[in-house]
Amino acid sequence: MGNIVCRMLLLLVLLIQLSGCALLAGVAAGGAVGAGAVAYVKGELEQEFNVPVPKLHSATLSALKELKLPIQEDKSDSLVGEISSEFADGKKVRINIKSLSLTTSKIAIRVDILGDEARSKRILETVNKQLGVSSKAQ
């Protein structure tokens, strides 16, 4: 009996993991002028951009400023960027930017521990606005 329960739990975990991978595979295949498809996976909102990390990093800082979100931590170089902020109600924001090539990069936004899709989308929409890209976070 206990063996069956363990197998069922393992199967459930595998199904959850595989469903996230399929969504990410679809995102990797997407691409448009300016920005790629948006995916909300496991509490994190992701989008690819046809801009290098420094430009995406700068647009992200400007977006947070526009939203009046304070910058608590900001580290970046030409390949990666990490920004931390916090909403007035204490929900923390973590933004990671990484280079995919010389001219493309990906942003990943997480609000709170489990994620807050609406707030993540609002931040991403503002980043898109700063870059002059029509937002795909719908």
Protein backbone atom coordinates (compact mmCIF):
# COMPACT_ATOMS: atom_id res chain seq x y z
CA MET A 1 0.00 0.00 0.00
CA GLY A 2 2.77 2.47 0.96
CA ASN A 3 4.68 1.57 -2.20
CA ILE A 4 1.68 2.49 -4.37
CA VAL A 5 1.30 5.88 -2.68
CA CYS A 6 5.01 6.61 -3.22
CA ARG A 7 4.72 5.71 -6.90
CA MET A 8 1.63 7.90 -7.32
CA LEU A 9 3.40 10.86 -5.71
CA LEU A 10 6.46 10.34 -7.91
CA LEU A 11 4.24 10.22 -11.00
CA LEU A 12 2.48 13.43 -9.95
CA VAL A 13 5.79 15.25 -9.44
CA LEU A 14 7.06 14.08 -12.83
CA LEU A 15 3.89 15.25 -14.58
CA ILE A 16 4.18 18.69 -13.01
CA GLN A 17 7.84 18.96 -14.00
CA LEU A 18 7.22 17.86 -17.58
CA SER A 19 4.34 20.28 -18.09
CA GLY A 20 6.67 23.17 -17.21
CA CYS A 21 9.30 21.91 -19.67
CA ALA A 22 6.81 21.82 -22.54
CA LEU A 23 5.87 25.44 -21.91
CA LEU A 24 9.52 26.50 -21.83
CA ALA A 25 10.19 24.65 -25.10
CA GLY A 26 7.38 26.66 -26.70
CA VAL A 27 8.88 29.89 -25.42
CA ALA A 28 12.33 29.03 -26.75
CA ALA A 29 10.87 28.56 -30.21
CA GLY A 30 9.09 31.95 -30.17
CA GLY A 31 10.58 35.20 -31.31
CA ALA A 32 9.56 38.50 -32.84
CA VAL A 33 11.01 41.86 -33.63
CA GLY A 34 12.05 43.30 -30.28
CA ALA A 35 10.79 40.61 -27.94
CA GLY A 36 9.93 36.93 -27.69
CA ALA A 37 7.01 35.10 -26.17
CA VAL A 38 6.12 35.54 -22.51
CA ALA A 39 5.84 32.55 -20.17
CA TYR A 40 4.75 32.34 -16.54
CA VAL A 41 6.32 29.16 -15.17
CA LYS A 42 6.51 28.09 -11.53
CA GLY A 43 5.93 31.61 -10.20
CA GLU A 44 8.37 33.32 -12.55
CA LEU A 45 7.55 35.47 -15.58
CA GLU A 46 10.07 35.18 -18.43
CA GLN A 47 10.59 36.94 -21.74
CA GLU A 48 13.38 37.05 -24.31
CA PHE A 49 14.44 40.35 -25.87
CA ASN A 50 16.49 41.19 -28.94
CA VAL A 51 18.72 43.51 -26.91
CA PRO A 52 21.95 42.89 -24.98
CA VAL A 53 21.98 42.60 -21.19
CA PRO A 54 23.16 46.19 -20.47
CA LYS A 55 20.24 47.68 -22.43
CA LEU A 56 17.67 45.36 -20.80
CA HIS A 57 19.19 46.04 -17.39
CA SER A 58 18.92 49.81 -17.89
CA ALA A 59 15.31 49.52 -19.09
CA THR A 60 14.46 47.39 -16.05
CA LEU A 61 15.91 49.97 -13.65
CA SER A 62 13.92 52.70 -15.41
CA ALA A 63 10.75 50.58 -15.20
CA LEU A 64 11.17 50.05 -11.46
CA LYS A 65 11.75 53.78 -11.01
CA GLU A 66 8.58 54.54 -13.00
CA LEU A 67 6.64 52.13 -10.76
CA LYS A 68 8.21 53.78 -7.68
CA LEU A 69 9.75 50.48 -6.56
CA PRO A 70 12.99 51.03 -4.60
CA ILE A 71 16.16 49.31 -5.77
CA GLN A 72 17.52 47.27 -2.86
CA GLU A 73 20.26 45.44 -4.75
CA ASP A 74 21.64 45.93 -8.24
CA LYS A 75 24.48 43.87 -9.73
CA SER A 76 25.27 43.54 -13.41
CA ASP A 77 27.93 43.00 -16.03
CA SER A 78 27.72 42.39 -19.77
CA LEU A 79 26.41 38.82 -19.31
CA VAL A 80 24.08 38.86 -16.29
CA GLY A 81 22.13 41.21 -14.08
CA GLU A 82 20.37 40.80 -10.73
CA ILE A 83 18.00 43.37 -9.26
CA SER A 84 16.06 43.19 -5.99
CA SER A 85 13.20 45.44 -4.94
CA GLU A 86 10.16 45.38 -2.69
CA PHE A 87 6.54 46.51 -2.87
CA ALA A 88 5.10 48.72 -0.13
CA ASP A 89 3.26 45.70 1.33
CA GLY A 90 6.56 43.85 1.81
CA LYS A 91 6.36 41.51 -1.19
CA LYS A 92 9.87 41.10 -2.54
CA VAL A 93 10.80 41.36 -6.21
CA ARG A 94 13.71 39.47 -7.77
CA ILE A 95 14.70 40.13 -11.37
CA ASN A 96 17.37 38.13 -13.19
CA ILE A 97 18.68 39.02 -16.63
CA LYS A 98 20.99 36.76 -18.59
CA SER A 99 22.66 36.89 -21.98
CA LEU A 100 21.54 34.38 -24.61
CA SER A 101 23.84 35.76 -27.32
CA LEU A 102 25.59 39.02 -28.18
CA THR A 103 22.28 40.63 -29.10
CA THR A 104 19.63 38.74 -27.11
CA SER A 105 18.88 38.39 -23.44
CA LYS A 106 16.20 36.97 -21.16
CA ILE A 107 14.51 38.51 -18.14
CA ALA A 108 12.95 36.47 -15.33
CA ILE A 109 10.74 38.27 -12.79
CA ARG A 110 9.54 36.74 -9.52
CA VAL A 111 7.35 38.56 -7.02
CA ASP A 112 7.16 37.00 -3.55
CA ILE A 113 8.18 33.42 -2.82
CA LEU A 114 5.40 31.68 -4.74
CA GLY A 115 5.06 34.34 -7.43
CA ASP A 116 2.45 37.00 -8.16
CA GLU A 117 1.59 36.87 -11.85
CA ALA A 118 -0.32 40.17 -11.99
CA ARG A 119 2.48 42.19 -10.39
CA SER A 120 5.14 40.41 -12.45
CA LYS A 121 3.22 41.27 -15.63
CA ARG A 122 2.93 44.91 -14.58
CA ILE A 123 6.71 45.12 -14.15
CA LEU A 124 7.30 43.38 -17.50
CA GLU A 125 4.85 45.67 -19.29
CA THR A 126 6.76 48.67 -17.97
CA VAL A 127 10.10 47.17 -19.07
CA ASN A 128 8.62 46.66 -22.56
CA LYS A 129 7.44 50.27 -22.54
CA GLN A 130 10.93 51.48 -21.62
CA LEU A 131 12.35 49.50 -24.56
CA GLY A 132 9.66 50.76 -26.95
CA VAL A 133 8.37 47.23 -27.50
CA SER A 134 4.69 46.39 -27.55
CA SER A 135 3.99 44.29 -24.47
CA LYS A 136 3.12 40.61 -24.79
CA ALA A 137 2.46 40.08 -21.05
CA GLN A 138 -1.28 39.43 -21.26
